C-alpha atoms as a PDB file:
ATOM      1  CA  MET A   1      64.926  83.975  41.614  1.00  0.00           C
ATOM      2  CA  PHE A   2      62.783  86.639  43.281  1.00  0.00           C
ATOM      3  CA  PRO A   3      59.875  86.958  43.676  1.00  0.00           C
ATOM      4  CA  ALA A   4      56.936  84.613  42.940  1.00  0.00           C
ATOM      5  CA  PHE A   5      55.380  86.897  40.348  1.00  0.00           C
ATOM      6  CA  LYS A   6      56.962  86.781  36.889  1.00  0.00           C
ATOM      7  CA  TYR A   7      56.595  89.041  33.874  1.00  0.00           C
ATOM      8  CA  ASP A   8      57.456  88.615  30.203  1.00  0.00           C
ATOM      9  CA  THR A   9      59.219  91.984  30.089  1.00  0.00           C
ATOM     10  CA  PRO A  10      61.595  92.919  27.241  1.00  0.00           C
ATOM     11  CA  SER A  11      65.248  92.542  28.196  1.00  0.00           C
ATOM     12  CA  LEU A  12      65.956  96.236  27.605  1.00  0.00           C
ATOM     13  CA  LEU A  13      63.316  97.264  30.131  1.00  0.00           C
ATOM     14  CA  ARG A  14      64.551  94.700  32.643  1.00  0.00           C
ATOM     15  CA  THR A  15      68.100  95.982  32.264  1.00  0.00           C
ATOM     16  CA  THR A  16      66.979  99.596  32.633  1.00  0.00           C
ATOM     17  CA  VAL A  17      65.013  98.820  35.786  1.00  0.00           C
ATOM     18  CA  MET A  18      67.920  96.818  37.189  1.00  0.00           C
ATOM     19  CA  LEU A  19      70.355  99.648  36.611  1.00  0.00           C
ATOM     20  CA  TRP A  20      67.920 102.135  38.150  1.00  0.00           C
ATOM     21  CA  ILE A  21      67.460 100.021  41.274  1.00  0.00           C
ATOM     22  CA  ILE A  22      71.194  99.466  41.658  1.00  0.00           C
ATOM     23  CA  ALA A  23      71.882 103.163  41.175  1.00  0.00           C
ATOM     24  CA  ALA A  24      69.321 104.050  43.836  1.00  0.00           C
ATOM     25  CA  THR A  25      70.749 101.477  46.225  1.00  0.00           C
ATOM     26  CA  CYS A  26      74.320 102.627  45.653  1.00  0.00           C
ATOM     27  CA  ALA A  27      73.283 106.241  46.154  1.00  0.00           C
ATOM     28  CA  ALA A  28      71.923 105.297  49.551  1.00  0.00           C
ATOM     29  CA  CYS A  29      75.180 103.476  50.299  1.00  0.00           C
ATOM     30  CA  VAL A  30      77.239 106.536  49.400  1.00  0.00           C
ATOM     31  CA  ASN A  31      75.183 108.753  51.700  1.00  0.00           C
ATOM     32  CA  VAL A  32      75.730 106.403  54.613  1.00  0.00           C
ATOM     33  CA  ALA A  33      79.352 105.702  53.765  1.00  0.00           C
ATOM     34  CA  ALA A  34      80.294 109.385  54.050  1.00  0.00           C
ATOM     35  CA  ALA A  35      82.949 109.181  51.333  1.00  0.00           C
ATOM     36  CA  HIS A  36      84.641 105.987  52.625  1.00  0.00           C
ATOM     37  CA  ASP A  37      85.966 103.762  49.826  1.00  0.00           C
ATOM     38  CA  ALA A  38      84.604 100.218  49.396  1.00  0.00           C
ATOM     39  CA  ASP A  39      86.750  97.187  50.237  1.00  0.00           C
ATOM     40  CA  ALA A  40      85.898  94.203  48.020  1.00  0.00           C
ATOM     41  CA  CYS A  41      86.502  90.464  48.349  1.00  0.00           C
ATOM     42  CA  ASN A  42      85.349  87.465  46.338  1.00  0.00           C
ATOM     43  CA  GLU A  43      83.326  84.425  47.385  1.00  0.00           C
ATOM     44  CA  THR A  44      82.972  81.178  45.435  1.00  0.00           C
ATOM     45  CA  ARG A  45      80.361  78.541  46.255  1.00  0.00           C
ATOM     46  CA  THR A  46      79.318  75.161  44.822  1.00  0.00           C
ATOM     47  CA  ASP A  47      75.698  74.229  44.129  1.00  0.00           C
ATOM     48  CA  VAL A  48      74.951  71.067  46.167  1.00  0.00           C
ATOM     49  CA  THR A  49      71.147  71.279  46.210  1.00  0.00           C
ATOM     50  CA  GLU A  50      70.317  67.781  45.000  1.00  0.00           C
ATOM     51  CA  PHE A  51      72.994  66.106  47.136  1.00  0.00           C
ATOM     52  CA  PHE A  52      71.838  67.996  50.222  1.00  0.00           C
ATOM     53  CA  LYS A  53      68.224  66.823  49.882  1.00  0.00           C
ATOM     54  CA  THR A  54      69.338  63.232  50.360  1.00  0.00           C
ATOM     55  CA  LEU A  55      71.894  64.192  52.988  1.00  0.00           C
ATOM     56  CA  ALA A  56      69.380  66.152  55.066  1.00  0.00           C
ATOM     57  CA  ASP A  57      66.874  63.291  55.030  1.00  0.00           C
ATOM     58  CA  LYS A  58      69.509  60.972  56.469  1.00  0.00           C
ATOM     59  CA  THR A  59      71.194  63.391  58.881  1.00  0.00           C
ATOM     60  CA  LEU A  60      68.581  65.730  60.308  1.00  0.00           C
ATOM     61  CA  ALA A  61      65.791  64.253  62.388  1.00  0.00           C
ATOM     62  CA  THR A  62      63.318  66.915  61.215  1.00  0.00           C
ATOM     63  CA  PRO A  63      63.501  69.633  58.562  1.00  0.00           C
ATOM     64  CA  LEU A  64      65.696  72.401  59.926  1.00  0.00           C
ATOM     65  CA  GLY A  65      64.047  75.806  59.846  1.00  0.00           C
ATOM     66  CA  ALA A  66      63.072  78.531  62.272  1.00  0.00           C
ATOM     67  CA  ASP A  67      62.176  75.700  64.661  1.00  0.00           C
ATOM     68  CA  CYS A  68      65.639  74.143  64.268  1.00  0.00           C
ATOM     69  CA  ASN A  69      65.874  70.976  66.304  1.00  0.00           C
ATOM     70  CA  ALA A  70      68.409  70.251  69.038  1.00  0.00           C
ATOM     71  CA  SER A  71      69.668  67.118  67.255  1.00  0.00           C
ATOM     72  CA  ALA A  72      71.412  69.345  64.713  1.00  0.00           C
ATOM     73  CA  ALA A  73      74.087  70.014  67.342  1.00  0.00           C
ATOM     74  CA  GLU A  74      75.180  66.368  67.100  1.00  0.00           C
ATOM     75  CA  ALA A  75      74.604  66.010  63.358  1.00  0.00           C
ATOM     76  CA  ALA A  76      77.451  65.770  60.848  1.00  0.00           C
ATOM     77  CA  LEU A  77      76.870  66.984  57.311  1.00  0.00           C
ATOM     78  CA  ASP A  78      79.198  64.940  55.106  1.00  0.00           C
ATOM     79  CA  PHE A  79      79.824  66.366  51.618  1.00  0.00           C
ATOM     80  CA  SER A  80      82.922  64.256  50.941  1.00  0.00           C
ATOM     81  CA  GLN A  81      81.002  62.070  48.461  1.00  0.00           C
ATOM     82  CA  CYS A  82      79.480  65.040  46.655  1.00  0.00           C
ATOM     83  CA  SER A  83      80.594  65.485  43.058  1.00  0.00           C
ATOM     84  CA  ASP A  84      81.330  69.008  41.857  1.00  0.00           C
ATOM     85  CA  GLY A  85      78.295  71.147  41.091  1.00  0.00           C
ATOM     86  CA  ASN A  86      77.999  74.480  39.346  1.00  0.00           C
ATOM     87  CA  LYS A  87      80.237  77.216  40.715  1.00  0.00           C
ATOM     88  CA  ILE A  88      78.586  80.441  41.885  1.00  0.00           C
ATOM     89  CA  SER A  89      80.611  83.611  42.427  1.00  0.00           C
ATOM     90  CA  PHE A  90      79.864  86.657  44.586  1.00  0.00           C
ATOM     91  CA  THR A  91      81.681  89.925  45.171  1.00  0.00           C
ATOM     92  CA  HIS A  92      81.438  91.544  48.600  1.00  0.00           C
ATOM     93  CA  SER A  93      81.896  95.285  49.101  1.00  0.00           C
ATOM     94  CA  VAL A  94      81.807  97.252  52.357  1.00  0.00           C
ATOM     95  CA  TYR A  95      80.936 100.937  52.463  1.00  0.00           C
ATOM     96  CA  GLY A  96      81.878 102.999  55.502  1.00  0.00           C
ATOM     97  CA  ASP A  97      81.900  99.937  57.802  1.00  0.00           C
ATOM     98  CA  SER A  98      78.092  99.960  58.001  1.00  0.00           C
ATOM     99  CA  ILE A  99      76.771  99.008  54.539  1.00  0.00           C
ATOM    100  CA  ALA A 100      77.657  95.663  52.924  1.00  0.00           C
ATOM    101  CA  VAL A 101      76.745  94.541  49.388  1.00  0.00           C
ATOM    102  CA  ARG A 102      76.842  90.971  48.057  1.00  0.00           C
ATOM    103  CA  GLN A 103      76.793  90.986  44.251  1.00  0.00           C
ATOM    104  CA  GLY A 104      76.144  87.788  42.288  1.00  0.00           C
ATOM    105  CA  GLU A 105      75.524  87.125  38.617  1.00  0.00           C
ATOM    106  CA  ALA A 106      71.739  87.116  38.988  1.00  0.00           C
ATOM    107  CA  GLU A 107      71.045  89.126  42.141  1.00  0.00           C
ATOM    108  CA  MET A 108      72.407  91.635  44.605  1.00  0.00           C
ATOM    109  CA  SER A 109      71.782  91.759  48.358  1.00  0.00           C
ATOM    110  CA  TRP A 110      72.629  94.608  50.683  1.00  0.00           C
ATOM    111  CA  TYR A 111      72.939  94.714  54.459  1.00  0.00           C
ATOM    112  CA  ALA A 112      73.159  97.338  57.199  1.00  0.00           C
ATOM    113  CA  ASP A 113      75.284  96.877  60.339  1.00  0.00           C
ATOM    114  CA  THR A 114      74.139  98.589  63.531  1.00  0.00           C
ATOM    115  CA  GLU A 115      75.467  97.907  67.047  1.00  0.00           C
ATOM    116  CA  GLY A 116      76.656  94.406  66.246  1.00  0.00           C
ATOM    117  CA  ILE A 117      73.524  93.369  64.319  1.00  0.00           C
ATOM    118  CA  ARG A 118      73.616  92.760  60.574  1.00  0.00           C
ATOM    119  CA  ARG A 119      70.246  93.067  58.836  1.00  0.00           C
ATOM    120  CA  LEU A 120      69.309  92.093  55.299  1.00  0.00           C
ATOM    121  CA  LYS A 121      67.761  95.270  53.864  1.00  0.00           C
ATOM    122  CA  GLY A 122      67.055  94.341  50.286  1.00  0.00           C
ATOM    123  CA  ILE A 123      67.498  91.956  47.351  1.00  0.00           C
ATOM    124  CA  VAL A 124      67.615  93.111  43.721  1.00  0.00           C
ATOM    125  CA  THR A 125      67.269  90.890  40.646  1.00  0.00           C
ATOM    126  CA  ARG A 126      66.847  91.568  36.936  1.00  0.00           C
ATOM    127  CA  VAL A 127      63.043  91.557  37.192  1.00  0.00           C
ATOM    128  CA  SER A 128      62.197  92.777  40.691  1.00  0.00           C
ATOM    129  CA  SER A 129      63.421  93.902  44.078  1.00  0.00           C
ATOM    130  CA  LEU A 130      62.544  93.049  47.681  1.00  0.00           C
ATOM    131  CA  ASN A 131      63.028  95.693  50.356  1.00  0.00           C
ATOM    132  CA  PHE A 132      62.521  95.481  54.113  1.00  0.00           C
ATOM    133  CA  SER A 133      61.559  98.489  56.231  1.00  0.00           C
ATOM    134  CA  GLU A 134      63.494  97.369  59.328  1.00  0.00           C
ATOM    135  CA  GLY A 135      65.585  94.587  57.841  1.00  0.00           C
ATOM    136  CA  LEU A 136      65.680  90.838  58.362  1.00  0.00           C
ATOM    137  CA  ILE A 137      68.227  89.915  61.055  1.00  0.00           C
ATOM    138  CA  TYR A 138      71.114  88.097  59.362  1.00  0.00           C
ATOM    139  CA  ASN A 139      73.691  87.868  62.127  1.00  0.00           C
ATOM    140  CA  ILE A 140      74.204  89.037  65.722  1.00  0.00           C
ATOM    141  CA  THR A 141      77.823  89.359  66.863  1.00  0.00           C
ATOM    142  CA  GLY A 142      78.803  87.307  69.901  1.00  0.00           C
ATOM    143  CA  ASN A 143      75.530  85.432  70.478  1.00  0.00           C
ATOM    144  CA  ALA A 144      75.941  81.658  70.658  1.00  0.00           C
ATOM    145  CA  ALA A 145      72.235  80.955  71.223  1.00  0.00           C
ATOM    146  CA  THR A 146      69.229  83.203  70.778  1.00  0.00           C
ATOM    147  CA  GLU A 147      65.706  83.383  69.374  1.00  0.00           C
ATOM    148  CA  ILE A 148      64.093  86.606  68.144  1.00  0.00           C
ATOM    149  CA  SER A 149      60.774  87.279  66.448  1.00  0.00           C
ATOM    150  CA  GLY A 150      59.256  90.506  65.221  1.00  0.00           C
ATOM    151  CA  THR A 151      57.314  92.209  62.450  1.00  0.00           C
ATOM    152  CA  ASP A 152      58.332  94.160  59.372  1.00  0.00           C
ATOM    153  CA  THR A 153      57.023  95.392  56.028  1.00  0.00           C
ATOM    154  CA  LEU A 154      58.176  93.789  52.785  1.00  0.00           C
ATOM    155  CA  THR A 155      57.936  95.930  49.634  1.00  0.00           C
ATOM    156  CA  ILE A 156      58.082  94.135  46.279  1.00  0.00           C
ATOM    157  CA  VAL A 157      58.798  96.255  43.188  1.00  0.00           C
ATOM    158  CA  HIS A 158      58.378  94.633  39.762  1.00  0.00           C
ATOM    159  CA  ALA A 159      60.109  95.469  36.505  1.00  0.00           C
ATOM    160  CA  ASP A 160      56.897  96.937  35.072  1.00  0.00           C
ATOM    161  CA  GLY A 161      56.829  99.512  37.889  1.00  0.00           C
ATOM    162  CA  SER A 162      54.038  97.886  39.914  1.00  0.00           C
ATOM    163  CA  SER A 163      54.615  97.324  43.609  1.00  0.00           C
ATOM    164  CA  LEU A 164      52.946  96.004  46.736  1.00  0.00           C
ATOM    165  CA  GLN A 165      53.613  96.113  50.465  1.00  0.00           C
ATOM    166  CA  ILE A 166      53.119  93.072  52.673  1.00  0.00           C
ATOM    167  CA  PRO A 167      53.230  92.900  56.491  1.00  0.00           C
ATOM    168  CA  ILE A 168      55.475  90.006  57.503  1.00  0.00           C
ATOM    169  CA  VAL A 169      56.461  88.154  60.676  1.00  0.00           C
ATOM    170  CA  THR A 170      60.241  87.775  61.012  1.00  0.00           C
ATOM    171  CA  THR A 171      62.258  85.172  62.922  1.00  0.00           C
ATOM    172  CA  TYR A 172      65.913  84.663  63.769  1.00  0.00           C
ATOM    173  CA  ALA A 173      67.512  81.831  65.751  1.00  0.00           C
ATOM    174  CA  VAL A 174      71.031  80.612  66.548  1.00  0.00           C
ATOM    175  CA  ARG A 175      71.914  77.045  67.560  1.00  0.00           C
ATOM    176  CA  PRO A 176      74.995  74.811  67.840  1.00  0.00           C
ATOM    177  CA  GLY A 177      75.373  73.214  64.436  1.00  0.00           C
ATOM    178  CA  GLY A 178      77.544  70.129  64.776  1.00  0.00           C
ATOM    179  CA  SER A 179      80.279  69.318  62.252  1.00  0.00           C
ATOM    180  CA  VAL A 180      80.565  69.683  58.495  1.00  0.00           C
ATOM    181  CA  ILE A 181      82.818  67.580  56.257  1.00  0.00           C
ATOM    182  CA  THR A 182      83.714  69.508  53.127  1.00  0.00           C
ATOM    183  CA  ALA A 183      83.872  68.150  49.578  1.00  0.00           C
ATOM    184  CA  GLU A 184      87.653  67.889  50.009  1.00  0.00           C
ATOM    185  CA  GLY A 185      87.167  65.704  53.097  1.00  0.00           C
ATOM    186  CA  ASP A 186      88.251  68.309  55.664  1.00  0.00           C
ATOM    187  CA  THR A 187      86.253  68.276  58.906  1.00  0.00           C
ATOM    188  CA  ILE A 188      85.014  71.513  60.433  1.00  0.00           C
ATOM    189  CA  ALA A 189      84.380  70.269  63.958  1.00  0.00           C
ATOM    190  CA  GLU A 190      82.177  73.033  65.360  1.00  0.00           C
ATOM    191  CA  THR A 191      79.651  75.151  63.506  1.00  0.00           C
ATOM    192  CA  THR A 192      76.855  77.497  64.505  1.00  0.00           C
ATOM    193  CA  ILE A 193      73.505  77.454  62.709  1.00  0.00           C
ATOM    194  CA  HIS A 194      71.862  80.808  61.960  1.00  0.00           C
ATOM    195  CA  VAL A 195      68.248  80.625  60.778  1.00  0.00           C
ATOM    196  CA  ALA A 196      66.630  83.790  59.419  1.00  0.00           C
ATOM    197  CA  GLY A 197      63.160  83.853  57.931  1.00  0.00           C
ATOM    198  CA  TYR A 198      59.815  85.514  57.475  1.00  0.00           C
ATOM    199  CA  ASN A 199      56.253  84.536  56.657  1.00  0.00           C
ATOM    200  CA  PHE A 200      53.085  86.227  55.463  1.00  0.00           C
ATOM    201  CA  ARG A 201      49.582  85.471  54.199  1.00  0.00           C
ATOM    202  CA  ILE A 202      48.906  85.482  50.478  1.00  0.00           C
ATOM    203  CA  ALA A 203      45.627  84.969  48.585  1.00  0.00           C
ATOM    204  CA  ASP A 204      45.530  82.106  46.087  1.00  0.00           C
ATOM    205  CA  GLU A 205      43.483  81.955  42.873  1.00  0.00           C
ATOM    206  CA  ALA A 206      40.436  80.777  44.823  1.00  0.00           C
ATOM    207  CA  GLY A 207      40.674  83.772  47.154  1.00  0.00           C
ATOM    208  CA  CYS A 208      41.800  81.704  50.129  1.00  0.00           C
ATOM    209  CA  ASN A 209      44.678  82.914  52.256  1.00  0.00           C
ATOM    210  CA  SER A 210      47.671  80.620  52.517  1.00  0.00           C
ATOM    211  CA  ARG A 211      50.960  80.942  54.369  1.00  0.00           C
ATOM    212  CA  ALA A 212      54.063  81.857  52.391  1.00  0.00           C
ATOM    213  CA  THR A 213      57.511  81.507  53.982  1.00  0.00           C
ATOM    214  CA  TYR A 214      61.161  82.256  53.322  1.00  0.00           C
ATOM    215  CA  THR A 215      63.899  80.564  55.362  1.00  0.00           C
ATOM    216  CA  ALA A 216      67.668  81.019  55.068  1.00  0.00           C
ATOM    217  CA  THR A 217      69.749  78.578  57.118  1.00  0.00           C
ATOM    218  CA  ARG A 218      73.528  79.009  57.368  1.00  0.00           C
ATOM    219  CA  TRP A 219      76.185  76.837  58.971  1.00  0.00           C
ATOM    220  CA  GLU A 220      78.889  79.283  60.138  1.00  0.00           C
ATOM    221  CA  ALA A 221      82.337  78.434  61.536  1.00  0.00           C
ATOM    222  CA  GLU A 222      84.912  80.415  63.482  1.00  0.00           C
ATOM    223  CA  GLY A 223      87.593  81.883  61.229  1.00  0.00           C
ATOM    224  CA  ARG A 224      85.579  81.410  58.042  1.00  0.00           C
ATOM    225  CA  ASP A 225      84.727  84.476  56.006  1.00  0.00           C
ATOM    226  CA  PHE A 226      81.614  82.929  54.417  1.00  0.00           C
ATOM    227  CA  PRO A 227      78.922  80.426  55.454  1.00  0.00           C
ATOM    228  CA  VAL A 228      80.119  76.837  55.182  1.00  0.00           C
ATOM    229  CA  VAL A 229      76.649  75.752  54.038  1.00  0.00           C
ATOM    230  CA  GLU A 230      73.869  78.101  52.917  1.00  0.00           C
ATOM    231  CA  TRP A 231      70.326  76.729  52.494  1.00  0.00           C
ATOM    232  CA  VAL A 232      67.562  78.988  51.123  1.00  0.00           C
ATOM    233  CA  ARG A 233      63.946  77.819  50.841  1.00  0.00           C
ATOM    234  CA  TYR A 234      60.625  79.282  49.703  1.00  0.00           C
ATOM    235  CA  SER A 235      57.304  77.687  50.580  1.00  0.00           C
ATOM    236  CA  GLY A 236      53.943  78.764  49.166  1.00  0.00           C
ATOM    237  CA  TRP A 237      55.438  81.274  46.718  1.00  0.00           C
ATOM    238  CA  ASN A 238      58.297  81.829  44.266  1.00  0.00           C
ATOM    239  CA  GLY A 239      57.756  78.349  42.856  1.00  0.00           C
ATOM    240  CA  ASN A 240      58.854  76.737  46.147  1.00  0.00           C
ATOM    241  CA  VAL A 241      62.456  77.318  45.088  1.00  0.00           C
ATOM    242  CA  GLU A 242      65.111  75.627  47.219  1.00  0.00           C
ATOM    243  CA  SER A 243      68.871  76.032  46.837  1.00  0.00           C
ATOM    244  CA  VAL A 244      71.879  74.844  48.827  1.00  0.00           C
ATOM    245  CA  THR A 245      75.463  75.944  48.289  1.00  0.00           C
ATOM    246  CA  LEU A 246      78.742  74.844  49.861  1.00  0.00           C
ATOM    247  CA  SER A 247      81.607  77.256  50.384  1.00  0.00           C
ATOM    248  CA  ALA A 248      84.618  76.674  48.134  1.00  0.00           C
ATOM    249  CA  GLU A 249      86.870  78.514  50.607  1.00  0.00           C
ATOM    250  CA  GLU A 250      89.824  76.149  51.026  1.00  0.00           C
ATOM    251  CA  LYS A 251      90.899  77.402  54.432  1.00  0.00           C
ATOM    252  CA  PRO A 252      89.975  80.117  56.915  1.00  0.00           C
ATOM    253  CA  ALA A 253      90.906  83.545  55.591  1.00  0.00           C
ATOM    254  CA  ARG A 254      89.819  85.803  58.432  1.00  0.00           C
ATOM    255  CA  LYS A 255      92.596  86.945  60.756  1.00  0.00           C
ATOM    256  CA  THR A 256      91.578  87.055  64.399  1.00  0.00           C
ATOM    257  CA  ARG A 257      92.695  89.744  66.811  1.00  0.00           C
ATOM    258  CA  THR A 258      92.959  90.061  70.552  1.00  0.00           C
ATOM    259  CA  ALA A 259      90.149  92.434  71.468  1.00  0.00           C
ATOM    260  CA  ASP A 260      92.017  94.408  74.120  1.00  0.00           C
ATOM    261  CA  ARG A 261      95.039  95.254  71.956  1.00  0.00           C
ATOM    262  CA  HIS A 262      95.412  98.527  70.142  1.00  0.00           C
ATOM    263  CA  VAL A 263      94.403  98.289  66.470  1.00  0.00           C
ATOM    264  CA  ALA A 264      97.586 100.066  65.351  1.00  0.00           C
ATOM    265  CA  GLU A 265      99.708  97.079  66.436  1.00  0.00           C
ATOM    266  CA  TYR A 266      98.368  95.108  63.481  1.00  0.00           C
ATOM    267  CA  ARG A 267      99.085  97.626  60.732  1.00  0.00           C
ATOM    268  CA  PRO A 268     102.357  97.860  58.830  1.00  0.00           C
ATOM    269  CA  GLY A 269     104.040 101.142  58.017  1.00  0.00           C
ATOM    270  CA  LYS A 270     104.288 104.383  59.934  1.00  0.00           C
ATOM    271  CA  LEU A 271     101.184 105.564  61.727  1.00  0.00           C
ATOM    272  CA  LYS A 272     100.534 109.313  61.451  1.00  0.00           C
ATOM    273  CA  GLY A 273      97.423 109.609  63.579  1.00  0.00           C
ATOM    274  CA  LEU A 274      94.286 108.003  64.955  1.00  0.00           C
ATOM    275  CA  VAL A 275      90.752 109.381  64.566  1.00  0.00           C
ATOM    276  CA  ILE A 276      87.701 108.076  66.432  1.00  0.00           C
ATOM    277  CA  SER A 277      84.244 108.994  65.115  1.00  0.00           C
ATOM    278  CA  ASP A 278      80.723 108.110  66.132  1.00  0.00           C
ATOM    279  CA  LEU A 279      78.506 106.222  63.676  1.00  0.00           C
ATOM    280  CA  SER A 280      77.201 109.479  62.213  1.00  0.00           C
ATOM    281  CA  GLY A 281      80.754 110.381  61.154  1.00  0.00           C
ATOM    282  CA  LYS A 282      81.319 113.067  63.808  1.00  0.00           C
ATOM    283  CA  THR A 283      84.915 113.080  65.118  1.00  0.00           C
ATOM    284  CA  VAL A 284      85.008 112.562  68.889  1.00  0.00           C
ATOM    285  CA  ARG A 285      88.741 111.938  69.434  1.00  0.00           C
ATOM    286  CA  ARG A 286      91.890 112.690  67.420  1.00  0.00           C
ATOM    287  CA  TYR A 287      95.452 111.642  68.307  1.00  0.00           C
ATOM    288  CA  ASN A 288      98.843 112.051  66.671  1.00  0.00           C
ATOM    289  CA  ALA A 289     101.120 109.009  66.378  1.00  0.00           C
ATOM    290  CA  ALA A 290     102.774 109.474  69.777  1.00  0.00           C
ATOM    291  CA  GLU A 291      99.466 110.055  71.547  1.00  0.00           C
ATOM    292  CA  ALA A 292      97.851 107.068  69.854  1.00  0.00           C
ATOM    293  CA  ALA A 293     100.671 104.760  70.932  1.00  0.00           C
ATOM    294  CA  GLY A 294     100.347 105.834  74.562  1.00  0.00           C
ATOM    295  CA  THR A 295      96.566 106.036  74.894  1.00  0.00           C
ATOM    296  CA  THR A 296      94.399 103.123  76.017  1.00  0.00           C
ATOM    297  CA  ASP A 297      91.577 104.938  77.825  1.00  0.00           C
ATOM    298  CA  TYR A 298      89.656 107.039  75.305  1.00  0.00           C
ATOM    299  CA  GLY A 299      87.126 108.248  77.871  1.00  0.00           C
ATOM    300  CA  LEU A 300      84.159 107.523  75.601  1.00  0.00           C
ATOM    301  CA  PRO A 301      80.690 106.263  76.510  1.00  0.00           C
ATOM    302  CA  ARG A 302      79.967 102.620  75.843  1.00  0.00           C
ATOM    303  CA  GLY A 303      78.977 101.925  72.228  1.00  0.00           C
ATOM    304  CA  TRP A 304      80.121 101.478  68.624  1.00  0.00           C
ATOM    305  CA  TYR A 305      82.628 103.826  66.997  1.00  0.00           C
ATOM    306  CA  ILE A 306      84.573 104.105  63.747  1.00  0.00           C
ATOM    307  CA  VAL A 307      88.347 103.966  64.341  1.00  0.00           C
ATOM    308  CA  THR A 308      90.455 105.348  61.481  1.00  0.00           C
ATOM    309  CA  GLU A 309      94.211 104.877  61.326  1.00  0.00           C
ATOM    310  CA  GLU A 310      95.974 107.437  59.154  1.00  0.00           C
ATOM    311  CA  TYR A 311      99.180 106.510  57.326  1.00  0.00           C
ATOM    312  CA  ASP A 312     101.348 108.395  54.836  1.00  0.00           C
ATOM    313  CA  ASP A 313      99.618 106.878  51.808  1.00  0.00           C
ATOM    314  CA  THR A 314      96.334 105.487  53.091  1.00  0.00           C
ATOM    315  CA  SER A 315      93.695 105.444  55.811  1.00  0.00           C
ATOM    316  CA  ILE A 316      92.141 102.294  57.271  1.00  0.00           C
ATOM    317  CA  SER A 317      88.787 102.347  59.077  1.00  0.00           C
ATOM    318  CA  GLU A 318      86.981  99.731  61.118  1.00  0.00           C
ATOM    319  CA  LYS A 319      84.005  99.654  63.436  1.00  0.00           C
ATOM    320  CA  LYS A 320      84.823  98.846  67.093  1.00  0.00           C
ATOM    321  CA  TYR A 321      82.819  98.491  70.265  1.00  0.00           C
ATOM    322  CA  PHE A 322      84.135 100.321  73.344  1.00  0.00           C
ATOM    323  CA  ASP A 323      82.932  99.118  76.734  1.00  0.00           C
ATOM    324  CA  GLY A 324      83.197 102.568  78.307  1.00  0.00           C
ATOM    325  CA  GLN A 325      86.643 101.997  79.799  1.00  0.00           C
ATOM    326  CA  LYS A 326      88.954 101.734  76.793  1.00  0.00           C
END
């Protein structure tokens, strides 16, 4: 699928390059993860591209992109009449609470989480890879409405070893998204639309510069592990590819927690101790079971930390934000 430039490279070379890129990416993950094991989960989606083209024309007043229109908040995307499309599977792995990998049959994406912001850092396929210097904003925790623009550098590496760097303009926006009716007929009453994209200038065969864009639009819902609807579009490059997928998640799988409760209350078994580290992995607080049960004020500066609960047979880590009081 990525990028616009295609090569007739032997399959052995493509496979070798793919394995090399994945190995390099995973090596970077291991360095950041600091020996934390990866937790994996599976995602299944349905290809609804053709159905969505007709649906969008009827439902959305204007094409929804980085300039997503306000009418989308009242719009209802109804997939109840959509016949089954091809199923697409992904595996998600998390390394050290800061690196996330989404592995599909044809491509792999990886993300970095920093201070509540998830950024798309790179995409790897069998014939090429895309890498961002800063990372394209994918999600910002807790923001119901925002617009952000910036600049970055996109590096494209091809299977034949050639590469190029392109300066790009990045955008990210969040809007109320209205309701979505799933293929099963269930109504998700409130969604939030996240629109991430970038654009750059590219020379055509006549030597004229034209604008190339990438836009990823996602309808997210509270309690859902994966986007309800995911719409990816290319314009001016990559063959103007457009794809839309619908989540096959039958019901919300994410368990919510009360933010001001102690994390140990939600874990079964006997707690041995609690370790709090900064994002570099340096331990800043350590408590035994009795101390952990009786401590609510950790006396730490405001910011993100890694909280690790130690049990007899396992350790469980998660990233938490402390407001400077607890």
